[in-house]
């Protein structure tokens, strides 16, 4: 969410991927914002998804994590304006319409601290520094496909 301080880290990563990186033609960057259950529609038709989000797991602010769907419950995505967390939406999708989900879903999470409403485009220094690390991790993941 671009209105909640460090929660905008996913938007910052997407911006770098779109504006500064030459991605393969079969890779799409989709900015989801706060889609709630609309995430299921956004994921439909993709074979693979890498979801980037802010997380609160008790780690060091600015740390970048890579984890799979099975580990999603071990971190806490920021959900103040999402309505449903990413984990809840994907769990719902797996039960109701698993054929709509990509075969492979992975996550890049950035540990955050500040998610206060009204701090648009104002990442804390540690999270701002983590954007390039998250982009590098995503490019590595894409190379593994």
N, C-alpha and C. Protein backbone atom coordinates (compact mmCIF):
# COMPACT_ATOMS: atom_id res chain seq x y z
N UNK A 1 0.85 -1.18 0.00
CA UNK A 1 0.00 0.00 0.00
C UNK A 1 0.89 1.24 0.00
N UNK A 2 0.75 2.07 -0.98
CA UNK A 2 1.58 3.26 -1.12
C UNK A 2 1.27 4.36 -0.14
N UNK A 3 0.27 4.17 0.70
CA UNK A 3 -0.10 5.20 1.67
C UNK A 3 0.35 4.86 3.08
N UNK A 4 1.10 3.79 3.23
CA UNK A 4 1.44 3.32 4.58
C UNK A 4 2.94 3.09 4.77
N UNK A 5 3.74 4.09 4.51
CA UNK A 5 5.17 4.00 4.78
C UNK A 5 5.85 2.81 4.14
N UNK A 6 6.46 1.98 4.96
CA UNK A 6 7.24 0.84 4.45
C UNK A 6 6.39 -0.20 3.73
N UNK A 7 5.08 -0.18 3.91
CA UNK A 7 4.22 -1.13 3.20
C UNK A 7 4.29 -0.89 1.69
N UNK A 8 4.83 0.23 1.26
CA UNK A 8 4.97 0.55 -0.16
C UNK A 8 6.18 -0.12 -0.79
N UNK A 9 6.87 -0.96 -0.06
CA UNK A 9 8.09 -1.57 -0.60
C UNK A 9 7.81 -2.39 -1.85
N UNK A 10 6.68 -3.08 -1.91
CA UNK A 10 6.34 -3.85 -3.12
C UNK A 10 6.18 -2.95 -4.33
N UNK A 11 5.58 -1.79 -4.13
CA UNK A 11 5.44 -0.83 -5.23
C UNK A 11 6.79 -0.31 -5.68
N UNK A 12 7.70 -0.08 -4.73
CA UNK A 12 9.04 0.41 -5.07
C UNK A 12 9.80 -0.65 -5.87
N UNK A 13 9.67 -1.91 -5.49
CA UNK A 13 10.33 -3.00 -6.23
C UNK A 13 9.75 -3.09 -7.63
N UNK A 14 8.43 -3.03 -7.75
CA UNK A 14 7.79 -3.09 -9.07
C UNK A 14 8.26 -1.94 -9.96
N UNK A 15 8.37 -0.75 -9.38
CA UNK A 15 8.81 0.42 -10.14
C UNK A 15 10.21 0.20 -10.72
N UNK A 16 11.12 -0.34 -9.92
CA UNK A 16 12.48 -0.60 -10.40
C UNK A 16 12.45 -1.66 -11.50
N UNK A 17 11.67 -2.72 -11.31
CA UNK A 17 11.60 -3.78 -12.31
C UNK A 17 11.09 -3.25 -13.65
N UNK A 18 10.11 -2.37 -13.60
CA UNK A 18 9.51 -1.84 -14.83
C UNK A 18 10.40 -0.79 -15.48
N UNK A 19 10.98 0.10 -14.67
CA UNK A 19 11.68 1.25 -15.22
C UNK A 19 13.18 1.04 -15.44
N UNK A 20 13.80 0.11 -14.72
CA UNK A 20 15.25 0.02 -14.76
C UNK A 20 15.81 -1.33 -15.17
N UNK A 21 14.96 -2.33 -15.32
CA UNK A 21 15.43 -3.68 -15.61
C UNK A 21 14.84 -4.14 -16.95
N UNK A 22 15.66 -4.80 -17.74
CA UNK A 22 15.18 -5.37 -18.99
C UNK A 22 14.72 -6.80 -18.69
N UNK A 23 13.44 -6.96 -18.49
CA UNK A 23 12.88 -8.26 -18.15
C UNK A 23 12.61 -9.07 -19.41
N UNK A 24 12.64 -10.39 -19.30
CA UNK A 24 12.27 -11.22 -20.46
C UNK A 24 10.84 -10.91 -20.91
N UNK A 25 10.55 -11.11 -22.18
CA UNK A 25 9.23 -10.75 -22.71
C UNK A 25 8.08 -11.56 -22.10
N UNK A 26 8.38 -12.72 -21.54
CA UNK A 26 7.32 -13.54 -20.96
C UNK A 26 7.09 -13.25 -19.47
N UNK A 27 7.70 -12.17 -18.97
CA UNK A 27 7.53 -11.78 -17.56
C UNK A 27 6.69 -10.51 -17.50
N UNK A 28 5.65 -10.55 -16.69
CA UNK A 28 4.78 -9.39 -16.49
C UNK A 28 4.90 -8.92 -15.05
N UNK A 29 4.98 -7.61 -14.88
CA UNK A 29 4.95 -7.01 -13.54
C UNK A 29 3.54 -6.49 -13.35
N UNK A 30 2.86 -7.02 -12.35
CA UNK A 30 1.48 -6.63 -12.06
C UNK A 30 1.47 -5.95 -10.70
N UNK A 31 1.05 -4.70 -10.67
CA UNK A 31 0.95 -3.97 -9.41
C UNK A 31 -0.42 -4.26 -8.82
N UNK A 32 -0.42 -4.91 -7.66
CA UNK A 32 -1.67 -5.36 -7.07
C UNK A 32 -2.26 -4.37 -6.08
N UNK A 33 -1.44 -3.54 -5.48
CA UNK A 33 -1.98 -2.63 -4.47
C UNK A 33 -2.53 -3.42 -3.29
N UNK A 34 -3.78 -3.19 -2.97
CA UNK A 34 -4.44 -3.91 -1.87
C UNK A 34 -5.64 -4.67 -2.43
N UNK A 35 -5.41 -5.77 -3.15
CA UNK A 35 -6.49 -6.40 -3.90
C UNK A 35 -7.46 -7.26 -3.10
N UNK A 36 -7.10 -7.66 -1.89
CA UNK A 36 -7.97 -8.58 -1.16
C UNK A 36 -8.18 -9.84 -1.97
N UNK A 37 -9.43 -10.32 -2.05
CA UNK A 37 -9.70 -11.54 -2.80
C UNK A 37 -9.53 -11.34 -4.30
N UNK A 38 -9.44 -10.09 -4.76
CA UNK A 38 -9.16 -9.82 -6.16
C UNK A 38 -7.81 -10.36 -6.60
N UNK A 39 -6.95 -10.71 -5.64
CA UNK A 39 -5.66 -11.31 -5.97
C UNK A 39 -5.84 -12.59 -6.76
N UNK A 40 -6.89 -13.34 -6.46
CA UNK A 40 -7.14 -14.59 -7.19
C UNK A 40 -7.34 -14.33 -8.68
N UNK A 41 -8.08 -13.28 -9.02
CA UNK A 41 -8.27 -12.93 -10.42
C UNK A 41 -6.97 -12.50 -11.06
N UNK A 42 -6.15 -11.75 -10.31
CA UNK A 42 -4.87 -11.28 -10.84
C UNK A 42 -3.91 -12.43 -11.14
N UNK A 43 -4.00 -13.50 -10.37
CA UNK A 43 -3.08 -14.63 -10.54
C UNK A 43 -3.53 -15.59 -11.64
N UNK A 44 -4.78 -15.53 -12.01
CA UNK A 44 -5.31 -16.46 -12.99
C UNK A 44 -4.59 -16.31 -14.32
N UNK A 45 -4.25 -17.43 -14.92
CA UNK A 45 -3.61 -17.43 -16.22
C UNK A 45 -2.10 -17.45 -16.19
N UNK A 46 -1.51 -17.28 -15.00
CA UNK A 46 -0.05 -17.34 -14.88
C UNK A 46 0.38 -18.72 -14.42
N UNK A 47 1.50 -19.18 -14.94
CA UNK A 47 2.08 -20.45 -14.53
C UNK A 47 2.85 -20.30 -13.22
N UNK A 48 3.45 -19.13 -13.05
CA UNK A 48 4.30 -18.87 -11.89
C UNK A 48 4.05 -17.45 -11.41
N UNK A 49 4.11 -17.27 -10.10
CA UNK A 49 3.96 -15.93 -9.53
C UNK A 49 5.02 -15.72 -8.45
N UNK A 50 5.60 -14.54 -8.47
CA UNK A 50 6.48 -14.10 -7.38
C UNK A 50 5.80 -12.88 -6.79
N UNK A 51 5.36 -13.03 -5.56
CA UNK A 51 4.63 -11.96 -4.88
C UNK A 51 5.59 -11.24 -3.94
N UNK A 52 5.64 -9.92 -4.08
CA UNK A 52 6.53 -9.10 -3.25
C UNK A 52 5.66 -8.32 -2.27
N UNK A 53 6.01 -8.40 -0.98
CA UNK A 53 5.21 -7.71 0.02
C UNK A 53 6.05 -7.40 1.24
N UNK A 54 5.56 -6.47 2.02
CA UNK A 54 6.16 -6.17 3.32
C UNK A 54 5.73 -7.25 4.30
N UNK A 55 6.64 -7.62 5.20
CA UNK A 55 6.32 -8.62 6.22
C UNK A 55 6.80 -8.16 7.59
N UNK A 56 6.15 -8.69 8.59
CA UNK A 56 6.55 -8.48 9.98
C UNK A 56 6.79 -9.87 10.57
N UNK A 57 8.04 -10.26 10.67
CA UNK A 57 8.34 -11.59 11.21
C UNK A 57 9.24 -11.52 12.43
N UNK A 58 9.57 -10.31 12.85
CA UNK A 58 10.45 -10.16 14.00
C UNK A 58 11.92 -10.08 13.63
N UNK A 59 12.22 -10.09 12.34
CA UNK A 59 13.60 -9.99 11.89
C UNK A 59 14.09 -8.56 11.86
N UNK A 60 15.26 -8.39 11.31
CA UNK A 60 15.87 -7.06 11.21
C UNK A 60 15.22 -6.27 10.09
N UNK A 61 14.85 -5.04 10.38
CA UNK A 61 14.21 -4.19 9.38
C UNK A 61 15.11 -4.08 8.14
N UNK A 62 14.52 -4.32 6.97
CA UNK A 62 15.27 -4.27 5.72
C UNK A 62 15.77 -5.63 5.26
N UNK A 63 15.60 -6.65 6.08
CA UNK A 63 16.02 -7.99 5.67
C UNK A 63 15.08 -8.47 4.56
N UNK A 64 15.64 -9.17 3.58
CA UNK A 64 14.87 -9.67 2.45
C UNK A 64 14.80 -11.18 2.54
N UNK A 65 13.58 -11.71 2.45
CA UNK A 65 13.35 -13.14 2.57
C UNK A 65 12.79 -13.71 1.27
N UNK A 66 13.11 -14.95 1.04
CA UNK A 66 12.48 -15.71 -0.03
C UNK A 66 11.81 -16.91 0.63
N UNK A 67 10.54 -17.10 0.33
CA UNK A 67 9.86 -18.25 0.92
C UNK A 67 8.75 -18.73 0.00
N UNK A 68 8.34 -19.95 0.22
CA UNK A 68 7.30 -20.56 -0.58
C UNK A 68 5.95 -20.46 0.10
N UNK A 69 4.95 -20.92 -0.59
CA UNK A 69 3.58 -20.87 -0.09
C UNK A 69 3.45 -21.60 1.24
N UNK A 70 4.16 -22.71 1.39
CA UNK A 70 4.07 -23.48 2.63
C UNK A 70 4.62 -22.74 3.84
N UNK A 71 5.53 -21.79 3.63
CA UNK A 71 6.10 -21.03 4.74
C UNK A 71 5.38 -19.70 5.00
N UNK A 72 4.36 -19.41 4.22
CA UNK A 72 3.70 -18.11 4.32
C UNK A 72 3.17 -17.84 5.71
N UNK A 73 2.70 -18.84 6.40
CA UNK A 73 2.16 -18.63 7.73
C UNK A 73 3.18 -18.22 8.76
N UNK A 74 4.48 -18.37 8.45
CA UNK A 74 5.53 -18.03 9.40
C UNK A 74 5.85 -16.54 9.40
N UNK A 75 5.36 -15.80 8.42
CA UNK A 75 5.55 -14.36 8.38
C UNK A 75 4.18 -13.71 8.42
N UNK A 76 4.13 -12.45 8.70
CA UNK A 76 2.86 -11.75 8.77
C UNK A 76 2.86 -10.62 7.76
N UNK A 77 2.23 -10.82 6.58
CA UNK A 77 2.12 -9.71 5.63
C UNK A 77 1.31 -8.58 6.26
N UNK A 78 1.63 -7.37 5.89
CA UNK A 78 0.90 -6.23 6.40
C UNK A 78 -0.51 -6.27 5.80
N UNK A 79 -1.53 -6.20 6.65
CA UNK A 79 -2.89 -6.40 6.15
C UNK A 79 -3.85 -5.29 6.54
N UNK A 80 -3.39 -4.20 7.06
CA UNK A 80 -4.28 -3.19 7.60
C UNK A 80 -5.35 -2.71 6.62
N UNK A 81 -5.03 -2.57 5.34
CA UNK A 81 -6.01 -2.11 4.37
C UNK A 81 -6.34 -3.16 3.31
N UNK A 82 -5.77 -4.34 3.41
CA UNK A 82 -6.00 -5.39 2.42
C UNK A 82 -7.35 -6.07 2.62
N UNK A 83 -7.89 -6.05 3.84
CA UNK A 83 -9.11 -6.79 4.12
C UNK A 83 -8.77 -8.23 4.45
N UNK A 84 -8.18 -8.93 3.53
CA UNK A 84 -7.70 -10.29 3.73
C UNK A 84 -6.19 -10.27 3.55
N UNK A 85 -5.49 -11.06 4.33
CA UNK A 85 -4.05 -11.18 4.11
C UNK A 85 -3.81 -12.01 2.86
N UNK A 86 -2.62 -11.94 2.32
CA UNK A 86 -2.25 -12.75 1.16
C UNK A 86 -2.43 -14.22 1.50
N UNK A 87 -2.02 -14.63 2.70
CA UNK A 87 -2.15 -16.03 3.12
C UNK A 87 -3.61 -16.47 3.13
N UNK A 88 -4.49 -15.61 3.64
CA UNK A 88 -5.91 -15.96 3.70
C UNK A 88 -6.51 -16.07 2.30
N UNK A 89 -6.15 -15.16 1.41
CA UNK A 89 -6.67 -15.20 0.05
C UNK A 89 -6.20 -16.46 -0.66
N UNK A 90 -4.92 -16.79 -0.54
CA UNK A 90 -4.41 -17.98 -1.22
C UNK A 90 -4.98 -19.26 -0.63
N UNK A 91 -5.18 -19.30 0.68
CA UNK A 91 -5.81 -20.46 1.31
C UNK A 91 -7.24 -20.63 0.79
N UNK A 92 -7.96 -19.53 0.67
CA UNK A 92 -9.31 -19.56 0.13
C UNK A 92 -9.29 -20.05 -1.32
N UNK A 93 -8.37 -19.54 -2.10
CA UNK A 93 -8.25 -19.96 -3.50
C UNK A 93 -7.93 -21.43 -3.64
N UNK A 94 -7.07 -21.96 -2.76
CA UNK A 94 -6.72 -23.38 -2.81
C UNK A 94 -7.92 -24.27 -2.53
N UNK A 95 -8.83 -23.78 -1.68
CA UNK A 95 -10.01 -24.56 -1.34
C UNK A 95 -11.10 -24.43 -2.40
N UNK A 96 -11.38 -23.19 -2.82
CA UNK A 96 -12.51 -22.95 -3.71
C UNK A 96 -12.21 -23.20 -5.19
N UNK A 97 -11.07 -22.70 -5.66
CA UNK A 97 -10.75 -22.81 -7.08
C UNK A 97 -9.25 -22.98 -7.29
N UNK A 98 -8.71 -24.13 -6.90
CA UNK A 98 -7.25 -24.31 -7.01
C UNK A 98 -6.73 -24.22 -8.44
N UNK A 99 -7.58 -24.50 -9.42
CA UNK A 99 -7.14 -24.44 -10.82
C UNK A 99 -6.85 -23.01 -11.27
N UNK A 100 -7.31 -22.02 -10.53
CA UNK A 100 -7.06 -20.62 -10.88
C UNK A 100 -5.69 -20.16 -10.44
N UNK A 101 -5.07 -20.88 -9.52
CA UNK A 101 -3.77 -20.45 -8.98
C UNK A 101 -2.63 -20.92 -9.87
N UNK A 102 -1.56 -20.14 -9.91
CA UNK A 102 -0.37 -20.59 -10.64
C UNK A 102 0.18 -21.88 -10.03
N UNK A 103 0.86 -22.67 -10.87
CA UNK A 103 1.48 -23.91 -10.39
C UNK A 103 2.52 -23.62 -9.31
N UNK A 104 3.22 -22.52 -9.46
CA UNK A 104 4.29 -22.16 -8.53
C UNK A 104 4.06 -20.74 -8.02
N UNK A 105 3.99 -20.61 -6.71
CA UNK A 105 3.86 -19.30 -6.07
C UNK A 105 4.98 -19.15 -5.07
N UNK A 106 5.77 -18.10 -5.24
CA UNK A 106 6.85 -17.80 -4.31
C UNK A 106 6.71 -16.36 -3.84
N UNK A 107 7.41 -16.06 -2.76
CA UNK A 107 7.32 -14.74 -2.16
C UNK A 107 8.69 -14.16 -1.93
N UNK A 108 8.76 -12.85 -2.10
CA UNK A 108 9.90 -12.07 -1.65
C UNK A 108 9.32 -11.10 -0.64
N UNK A 109 9.75 -11.24 0.60
CA UNK A 109 9.25 -10.39 1.66
C UNK A 109 10.35 -9.49 2.19
N UNK A 110 10.00 -8.27 2.48
CA UNK A 110 10.95 -7.32 3.05
C UNK A 110 10.46 -6.98 4.46
N UNK A 111 11.31 -7.21 5.44
CA UNK A 111 10.98 -6.92 6.83
C UNK A 111 10.84 -5.42 7.01
N UNK A 112 9.71 -5.01 7.61
CA UNK A 112 9.42 -3.58 7.78
C UNK A 112 9.13 -3.27 9.24
N UNK A 113 9.07 -1.99 9.55
CA UNK A 113 8.68 -1.51 10.87
C UNK A 113 7.57 -0.47 10.78
N UNK A 114 7.70 0.48 9.86
CA UNK A 114 6.80 1.63 9.79
C UNK A 114 5.72 1.41 8.73
N UNK A 115 4.49 1.27 9.17
CA UNK A 115 3.37 1.11 8.24
C UNK A 115 2.24 2.07 8.62
N UNK A 116 2.62 3.29 8.90
CA UNK A 116 1.66 4.30 9.33
C UNK A 116 0.99 4.98 8.15
N UNK A 117 -0.32 5.08 8.21
CA UNK A 117 -1.09 5.74 7.16
C UNK A 117 -0.61 7.18 6.99
N UNK A 118 -0.44 7.58 5.73
CA UNK A 118 -0.09 8.96 5.45
C UNK A 118 1.38 9.18 5.13
N UNK A 119 2.17 8.10 5.10
CA UNK A 119 3.60 8.25 4.80
C UNK A 119 3.90 7.78 3.39
N UNK A 120 3.12 8.21 2.43
CA UNK A 120 3.24 7.77 1.05
C UNK A 120 4.65 7.99 0.51
N UNK A 121 5.14 6.98 -0.21
CA UNK A 121 6.45 7.04 -0.87
C UNK A 121 7.56 7.47 0.09
N UNK A 122 7.46 7.09 1.33
CA UNK A 122 8.43 7.49 2.32
C UNK A 122 8.96 6.25 3.04
N UNK A 123 9.73 5.43 2.32
CA UNK A 123 10.29 4.23 2.92
C UNK A 123 11.36 4.60 3.93
N UNK A 124 11.44 3.83 4.99
CA UNK A 124 12.52 4.04 5.95
C UNK A 124 13.84 3.71 5.26
N UNK A 125 14.96 4.23 5.73
CA UNK A 125 16.24 3.99 5.05
C UNK A 125 16.57 2.50 4.88
N UNK A 126 16.34 1.69 5.90
CA UNK A 126 16.66 0.26 5.81
C UNK A 126 15.82 -0.43 4.74
N UNK A 127 14.54 -0.08 4.67
CA UNK A 127 13.66 -0.70 3.67
C UNK A 127 13.98 -0.15 2.28
N UNK A 128 14.28 1.12 2.18
CA UNK A 128 14.70 1.68 0.90
C UNK A 128 15.94 0.99 0.35
N UNK A 129 16.90 0.71 1.24
CA UNK A 129 18.11 -0.01 0.82
C UNK A 129 17.81 -1.44 0.40
N UNK A 130 16.74 -2.02 0.95
CA UNK A 130 16.39 -3.41 0.65
C UNK A 130 15.76 -3.58 -0.73
N UNK A 131 15.29 -2.49 -1.34
CA UNK A 131 14.64 -2.58 -2.64
C UNK A 131 15.57 -3.22 -3.67
N UNK A 132 16.82 -2.77 -3.74
CA UNK A 132 17.75 -3.34 -4.72
C UNK A 132 18.06 -4.80 -4.41
N UNK A 133 18.09 -5.16 -3.13
CA UNK A 133 18.31 -6.57 -2.76
C UNK A 133 17.13 -7.42 -3.21
N UNK A 134 15.92 -6.91 -3.03
CA UNK A 134 14.74 -7.65 -3.46
C UNK A 134 14.71 -7.82 -4.98
N UNK A 135 15.08 -6.76 -5.70
CA UNK A 135 15.13 -6.85 -7.16
C UNK A 135 16.15 -7.90 -7.59
N UNK A 136 17.32 -7.89 -6.97
CA UNK A 136 18.36 -8.88 -7.30
C UNK A 136 17.86 -10.30 -7.02
N UNK A 137 17.16 -10.48 -5.91
CA UNK A 137 16.63 -11.79 -5.58
C UNK A 137 15.61 -12.25 -6.62
N UNK A 138 14.75 -11.34 -7.05
CA UNK A 138 13.75 -11.68 -8.06
C UNK A 138 14.43 -12.07 -9.37
N UNK A 139 15.45 -11.33 -9.77
CA UNK A 139 16.16 -11.66 -11.01
C UNK A 139 16.83 -13.02 -10.91
N UNK A 140 17.36 -13.36 -9.75
CA UNK A 140 17.93 -14.70 -9.53
C UNK A 140 16.84 -15.75 -9.66
N UNK A 141 15.69 -15.50 -9.06
CA UNK A 141 14.58 -16.45 -9.13
C UNK A 141 14.12 -16.65 -10.56
N UNK A 142 14.04 -15.58 -11.33
CA UNK A 142 13.63 -15.68 -12.72
C UNK A 142 14.63 -16.51 -13.52
N UNK A 143 15.90 -16.41 -13.17
CA UNK A 143 16.92 -17.19 -13.86
C UNK A 143 16.86 -18.66 -13.54
N UNK A 144 16.18 -19.02 -12.47
CA UNK A 144 16.05 -20.42 -12.07
C UNK A 144 14.91 -21.12 -12.78
N UNK A 145 14.05 -20.36 -13.44
CA UNK A 145 12.84 -20.95 -14.04
C UNK A 145 13.17 -21.92 -15.14
